[in-house]
Amino acid sequence: MARKITCTNEDNVSVIFTDKFNPWLLESCEGIYENKNNVSMSTNTMTDGSTLQGSTVAMRNIVMTLRDRPEADHQANRSLLYSLFKPKSEGVFIYEENGIIRQIGYHVESVAIDAVKRSRRATISLLCPDPFFVDADDVTVEMAGWVANFTWPHEFTAEGEEFGSRTAERLKTITNDSAADNIGITITIAARGPAKNPAITHVEQGESIEIGTSGNPLNMLTGDKVIITTHTNNKHVYLERGGVRTEINEYLSENSEFIQLMHGDNTFGYSAVEGENYLTISISFQYHYLGV
C-alpha cells in the first residue's frame, strides 16, 4: 500500500496527500523516520572529558514537499493549503502505510509556495512539540469489571441464571515495549454501588494516586465515575455524577502522584476504603513510537 498522509486542522479542515494529484502530489516527507536527542553535558577544568547531565527527545520537525499539475487552478490550490495550514493553528498528522496507522500533533511553522509559471511546488513545515507518534486508537485494559454470561436472544432454562460474572484482577501488568517513558494514561473508576476513597498504585514505581482522605473523603454513589488523566499538560481528576463532570483535584491525598507508564513492565493495583467490590477499573493509553 502506498503511503497516505492526512492533515486535519482545529477547524476540521482535512486534506489527504499521496503519490497522486489530489490536487497536490506528495513528493517527499522528511522528519518522520528519524529522531534527535537533546544531550546536555558539562565539563570541569580538572576532569577529563564531559559529564552527562541528561538527555531528552527533541521536538520533531516534519517537512512535506508538494507539487500540483501544470494546468491546475493554482490559486485554488494555494487557498486550500492556506485554509488547512493556518498561522498559529494546531492539527493532527496521520500517516498510513502497509496497514500501519500512526498520528502526531503539530503546529504550523511555515507554508512556502514557489512562483514558477507551470506546476507549483509547496513546502510545508510542521513542528511537533511532543515528538512521539501514537496509534490512532487507544488501548484499554480492564482490571475489574463484569463479563456477560450469555447473549441475546436467550432462552432461560433454569432459575437463578446470572446475567454476568465479576472479573477482578487485583494486580494487572501492562508491558510498555515502546521507546518512551512517562506515557500518560486515563484511568476510569466506575461505581456499581457505594464506594469510598478509591486508589490506584503503580507497584514498580512505588507510587499511588489516592482520591479522598480521612479528612476529605470521596463518597462515590452508584453510577458515579472517577476519571483520572495523567498526560503531560493534562493531569486532572474528574467526578462524573448524573451526567455532569466536575474537576475534583482537591480530593487528592498529599502523597498522590499522577502515575504513568514507564518502559518495561508496569503493574497496577487498586483499592478502596469501602466498596472495593463495587468498582470497575479500566486503564486506557496509547503506545509511543520514535518514527512511523
Protein backbone atom coordinates (compact mmCIF):
# COMPACT_ATOMS: atom_id res chain seq x y z
CA MET A 1 0.00 0.00 0.00
CA ALA A 2 1.35 3.41 -0.94
CA ARG A 3 1.74 5.82 1.90
CA LYS A 4 -1.06 8.25 2.66
CA ILE A 5 -0.79 11.35 4.81
CA THR A 6 -3.85 13.10 6.19
CA CYS A 7 -3.59 16.51 7.83
CA THR A 8 -6.57 17.83 9.80
CA ASN A 9 -6.61 21.22 11.49
CA GLU A 10 -8.51 22.51 14.51
CA ASP A 11 -11.39 23.66 12.26
CA ASN A 12 -11.75 20.07 10.98
CA VAL A 13 -10.44 21.03 7.53
CA SER A 14 -8.78 17.85 6.23
CA VAL A 15 -6.66 17.09 3.14
CA ILE A 16 -5.15 13.78 2.00
CA PHE A 17 -1.69 13.71 0.38
CA THR A 18 -0.47 10.71 -1.64
CA ASP A 19 1.68 9.98 -4.69
CA LYS A 20 -1.27 11.04 -6.86
CA PHE A 21 -2.55 14.56 -7.55
CA ASN A 22 -5.42 15.31 -5.16
CA PRO A 23 -4.95 18.19 -6.05
CA TRP A 24 -1.44 18.20 -4.57
CA LEU A 25 1.02 15.36 -5.10
CA LEU A 26 3.29 14.36 -2.21
CA GLU A 27 6.88 14.49 -3.50
CA SER A 28 8.66 13.90 -0.20
CA CYS A 29 8.18 13.95 3.54
CA GLU A 30 11.10 14.42 5.91
CA GLY A 31 11.24 14.11 9.67
CA ILE A 32 9.03 11.04 10.10
CA TYR A 33 11.66 8.30 10.20
CA GLU A 34 14.42 9.80 12.34
CA ASN A 35 14.62 11.16 15.86
CA LYS A 36 17.01 13.55 17.56
CA ASN A 37 18.07 13.83 21.18
CA ASN A 38 18.95 16.89 23.23
CA VAL A 39 22.01 15.77 25.16
CA SER A 40 23.23 18.02 27.97
CA MET A 41 26.89 17.76 29.02
CA SER A 42 29.03 19.64 31.50
CA THR A 43 32.80 19.99 31.72
CA ASN A 44 35.18 20.56 34.59
CA THR A 45 38.65 22.03 34.24
CA MET A 46 40.05 19.29 36.50
CA THR A 47 38.22 16.36 34.89
CA ASP A 48 38.88 14.67 31.56
CA GLY A 49 36.03 14.50 29.11
CA SER A 50 32.48 15.53 29.96
CA THR A 51 29.74 14.51 32.37
CA LEU A 52 26.27 13.62 31.12
CA GLN A 53 23.62 15.82 32.76
CA GLY A 54 20.64 14.42 30.92
CA SER A 55 19.06 13.58 27.59
CA THR A 56 15.61 14.23 26.14
CA VAL A 57 13.99 13.51 22.77
CA ALA A 58 14.00 16.69 20.71
CA MET A 59 10.96 18.30 19.11
CA ARG A 60 10.10 16.78 15.72
CA ASN A 61 10.08 18.87 12.53
CA ILE A 62 8.08 17.37 9.66
CA VAL A 63 8.65 18.93 6.24
CA MET A 64 6.40 17.99 3.30
CA THR A 65 7.17 18.90 -0.30
CA LEU A 66 4.10 19.04 -2.56
CA ARG A 67 3.52 19.69 -6.27
CA ASP A 68 0.40 20.42 -8.32
CA ARG A 69 -0.31 19.94 -12.04
CA PRO A 70 0.93 22.48 -14.61
CA GLU A 71 -2.66 23.02 -15.82
CA ALA A 72 -4.16 23.19 -12.30
CA ASP A 73 -6.03 26.10 -10.79
CA HIS A 74 -3.01 27.28 -8.82
CA GLN A 75 -4.89 29.98 -6.95
CA ALA A 76 -7.49 27.48 -5.69
CA ASN A 77 -4.74 25.03 -4.71
CA ARG A 78 -2.89 27.72 -2.78
CA SER A 79 -6.09 28.68 -0.99
CA LEU A 80 -6.60 25.05 0.02
CA LEU A 81 -3.18 24.94 1.69
CA TYR A 82 -3.69 28.31 3.36
CA SER A 83 -7.03 27.18 4.82
CA LEU A 84 -5.51 23.91 6.06
CA PHE A 85 -2.19 25.19 7.42
CA LYS A 86 -3.29 28.43 9.07
CA PRO A 87 -0.90 30.60 11.12
CA LYS A 88 -0.93 29.76 14.84
CA SER A 89 -3.06 26.69 14.18
CA GLU A 90 -2.77 23.17 15.53
CA GLY A 91 -3.53 19.95 13.73
CA VAL A 92 -3.15 16.18 13.55
CA PHE A 93 -0.80 14.47 11.08
CA ILE A 94 -1.87 10.88 10.29
CA TYR A 95 0.47 8.51 8.44
CA GLU A 96 -0.78 5.28 6.82
CA GLU A 97 1.33 2.63 5.08
CA ASN A 98 1.04 -1.17 4.83
CA GLY A 99 -1.79 -1.31 7.35
CA ILE A 100 0.02 0.77 9.97
CA ILE A 101 -1.68 3.98 11.10
CA ARG A 102 0.12 6.43 13.39
CA GLN A 103 -0.52 10.03 14.23
CA ILE A 104 1.12 13.05 15.83
CA GLY A 105 0.00 16.54 16.78
CA TYR A 106 1.61 19.54 15.10
CA HIS A 107 1.82 23.32 14.98
CA VAL A 108 2.25 25.06 11.63
CA GLU A 109 5.64 26.74 11.25
CA SER A 110 5.54 27.84 7.60
CA VAL A 111 3.97 27.42 4.16
CA ALA A 112 6.16 28.34 1.16
CA ILE A 113 4.87 28.13 -2.42
CA ASP A 114 7.10 28.89 -5.38
CA ALA A 115 6.07 31.24 -8.18
CA VAL A 116 7.10 29.38 -11.32
CA LYS A 117 4.70 29.61 -14.27
CA ARG A 118 3.93 25.90 -14.67
CA SER A 119 3.43 23.43 -11.80
CA ARG A 120 3.72 24.92 -8.34
CA ARG A 121 5.80 23.41 -5.56
CA ALA A 122 4.88 23.92 -1.91
CA THR A 123 6.97 23.28 1.20
CA ILE A 124 5.10 22.78 4.48
CA SER A 125 6.97 22.84 7.81
CA LEU A 126 5.21 21.38 10.85
CA LEU A 127 6.60 21.44 14.40
CA CYS A 128 5.66 18.64 16.81
CA PRO A 129 6.43 19.61 20.45
CA ASP A 130 5.60 16.04 21.53
CA PRO A 131 7.96 14.12 19.20
CA PHE A 132 6.32 10.70 19.57
CA PHE A 133 3.92 9.14 17.10
CA VAL A 134 0.99 7.28 18.65
CA ASP A 135 -1.55 4.73 17.45
CA ALA A 136 -4.80 6.08 16.09
CA ASP A 137 -6.82 4.26 18.77
CA ASP A 138 -6.37 3.87 22.49
CA VAL A 139 -5.50 0.55 24.12
CA THR A 140 -7.88 -0.21 27.00
CA VAL A 141 -7.09 -2.72 29.74
CA GLU A 142 -9.63 -3.76 32.36
CA MET A 143 -8.57 -4.64 35.89
CA ALA A 144 -12.04 -5.18 37.31
CA GLY A 145 -15.38 -5.39 35.55
CA TRP A 146 -18.25 -7.62 34.54
CA VAL A 147 -18.45 -10.29 31.84
CA ALA A 148 -21.81 -11.29 30.34
CA ASN A 149 -22.72 -14.93 30.84
CA PHE A 150 -24.94 -15.07 27.76
CA THR A 151 -26.04 -13.07 24.76
CA TRP A 152 -29.43 -12.05 23.42
CA PRO A 153 -31.72 -13.56 22.31
CA HIS A 154 -31.52 -16.02 25.21
CA GLU A 155 -33.80 -18.80 26.41
CA PHE A 156 -33.81 -19.15 30.18
CA THR A 157 -33.66 -22.83 31.08
CA ALA A 158 -33.01 -22.68 34.82
CA GLU A 159 -33.89 -20.50 37.76
CA GLY A 160 -31.24 -18.22 39.14
CA GLU A 161 -29.24 -17.82 35.96
CA GLU A 162 -26.77 -14.97 36.46
CA PHE A 163 -26.61 -12.18 33.90
CA GLY A 164 -22.86 -11.83 34.34
CA SER A 165 -19.86 -12.60 36.47
CA ARG A 166 -17.35 -10.25 38.02
CA THR A 167 -13.70 -10.30 36.97
CA ALA A 168 -11.32 -8.65 39.40
CA GLU A 169 -7.58 -8.78 38.91
CA ARG A 170 -6.09 -7.08 41.94
CA LEU A 171 -2.84 -6.66 40.01
CA LYS A 172 -2.60 -6.03 36.28
CA THR A 173 0.67 -5.78 34.34
CA ILE A 174 0.95 -3.65 31.20
CA THR A 175 4.15 -4.07 29.21
CA ASN A 176 5.39 -0.93 27.51
CA ASP A 177 7.96 -2.08 24.95
CA SER A 178 7.96 1.24 23.10
CA ALA A 179 10.85 3.67 23.27
CA ALA A 180 9.09 6.13 25.58
CA ASP A 181 8.89 6.61 29.33
CA ASN A 182 6.27 8.69 31.13
CA ILE A 183 3.34 7.78 28.88
CA GLY A 184 0.17 9.35 30.22
CA ILE A 185 -2.83 7.15 30.95
CA THR A 186 -6.54 7.61 31.54
CA ILE A 187 -7.94 5.67 34.50
CA THR A 188 -11.71 5.21 34.75
CA ILE A 189 -13.17 4.06 38.07
CA ALA A 190 -16.90 3.29 37.86
CA ALA A 191 -19.03 2.54 40.93
CA ARG A 192 -21.74 -0.14 40.67
CA GLY A 193 -22.55 0.51 44.32
CA PRO A 194 -21.43 2.87 47.10
CA ALA A 195 -17.65 3.16 47.50
CA LYS A 196 -15.23 5.41 49.34
CA ASN A 197 -11.73 6.77 48.64
CA PRO A 198 -10.53 4.69 45.65
CA ALA A 199 -6.80 4.43 44.96
CA ILE A 200 -4.58 3.14 42.14
CA THR A 201 -0.98 2.01 42.75
CA HIS A 202 1.98 1.64 40.37
CA VAL A 203 3.91 -1.21 42.01
CA GLU A 204 7.31 -0.84 40.28
CA GLN A 205 7.46 2.91 40.89
CA GLY A 206 6.07 2.67 44.42
CA GLU A 207 3.61 5.47 43.59
CA SER A 208 -0.12 5.82 44.17
CA ILE A 209 -2.91 8.19 43.35
CA GLU A 210 -5.49 8.32 46.12
CA ILE A 211 -8.80 10.15 45.69
CA GLY A 212 -10.24 11.01 49.06
CA THR A 213 -8.69 11.19 52.53
CA SER A 214 -9.90 10.69 56.09
CA GLY A 215 -10.29 14.45 56.44
CA ASN A 216 -11.84 14.96 53.00
CA PRO A 217 -13.45 11.67 51.95
CA LEU A 218 -14.85 10.99 48.48
CA ASN A 219 -18.07 9.01 48.77
CA MET A 220 -18.95 7.53 45.39
CA LEU A 221 -22.59 6.76 44.66
CA THR A 222 -23.96 4.07 42.36
CA GLY A 223 -23.38 5.23 38.78
CA ASP A 224 -20.54 7.63 39.65
CA LYS A 225 -17.32 7.65 37.65
CA VAL A 226 -13.92 8.99 38.64
CA ILE A 227 -11.75 9.77 35.60
CA ILE A 228 -8.02 10.40 36.09
CA THR A 229 -5.79 11.75 33.30
CA THR A 230 -2.01 11.70 33.78
CA HIS A 231 -0.78 13.02 30.42
CA THR A 232 1.77 15.80 30.07
CA ASN A 233 -0.07 19.13 30.40
CA ASN A 234 -3.27 17.18 31.11
CA LYS A 235 -3.23 16.00 34.73
CA HIS A 236 -6.72 16.07 36.21
CA VAL A 237 -9.20 14.15 38.34
CA TYR A 238 -12.90 14.38 37.43
CA LEU A 239 -16.10 13.09 39.00
CA GLU A 240 -19.00 12.27 36.67
CA ARG A 241 -22.31 12.22 38.51
CA GLY A 242 -25.72 12.43 36.90
CA GLY A 243 -24.22 13.35 33.52
CA VAL A 244 -22.25 16.29 34.96
CA ARG A 245 -18.44 16.28 35.02
CA THR A 246 -16.68 18.20 37.82
CA GLU A 247 -12.96 18.54 38.49
CA ILE A 248 -12.09 17.23 41.97
CA ASN A 249 -8.31 17.59 42.25
CA GLU A 250 -8.88 18.90 45.79
CA TYR A 251 -9.67 15.33 46.90
CA LEU A 252 -6.15 14.10 46.09
CA SER A 253 -4.06 12.99 49.06
CA GLU A 254 -0.82 14.87 49.68
CA ASN A 255 1.35 11.94 48.60
CA SER A 256 -0.55 11.24 45.37
CA GLU A 257 1.35 11.03 42.08
CA PHE A 258 -0.10 11.16 38.56
CA ILE A 259 1.26 7.71 37.71
CA GLN A 260 2.34 6.99 34.13
CA LEU A 261 3.62 4.08 32.03
CA MET A 262 7.36 3.57 32.12
CA HIS A 263 9.43 1.45 29.74
CA GLY A 264 9.07 -2.25 30.57
CA ASP A 265 6.54 -3.83 32.91
CA ASN A 266 4.02 -1.65 34.73
CA THR A 267 1.99 -3.40 37.42
CA PHE A 268 -1.11 -1.61 38.71
CA GLY A 269 -3.22 -2.40 41.75
CA TYR A 270 -6.41 -0.86 43.12
CA SER A 271 -8.10 -0.49 46.48
CA ALA A 272 -10.78 1.48 48.31
CA VAL A 273 -11.59 2.18 51.94
CA GLU A 274 -15.13 0.92 51.33
CA GLY A 275 -16.98 -0.72 48.45
CA GLU A 276 -13.95 -2.11 46.64
CA ASN A 277 -16.01 -4.95 45.14
CA TYR A 278 -18.38 -2.45 43.58
CA LEU A 279 -15.66 -0.82 41.48
CA THR A 280 -14.84 -1.47 37.83
CA ILE A 281 -11.43 -0.21 36.73
CA SER A 282 -10.08 0.40 33.21
CA ILE A 283 -6.82 1.95 32.02
CA SER A 284 -6.50 3.50 28.54
CA PHE A 285 -3.30 4.65 26.84
CA GLN A 286 -1.51 4.97 23.52
CA TYR A 287 1.84 3.37 22.71
CA HIS A 288 4.51 5.87 21.66
CA TYR A 289 6.87 5.47 18.69
CA LEU A 290 10.04 7.24 17.61
CA GLY A 291 9.00 7.05 13.95
CA VAL A 292 6.43 5.61 11.57
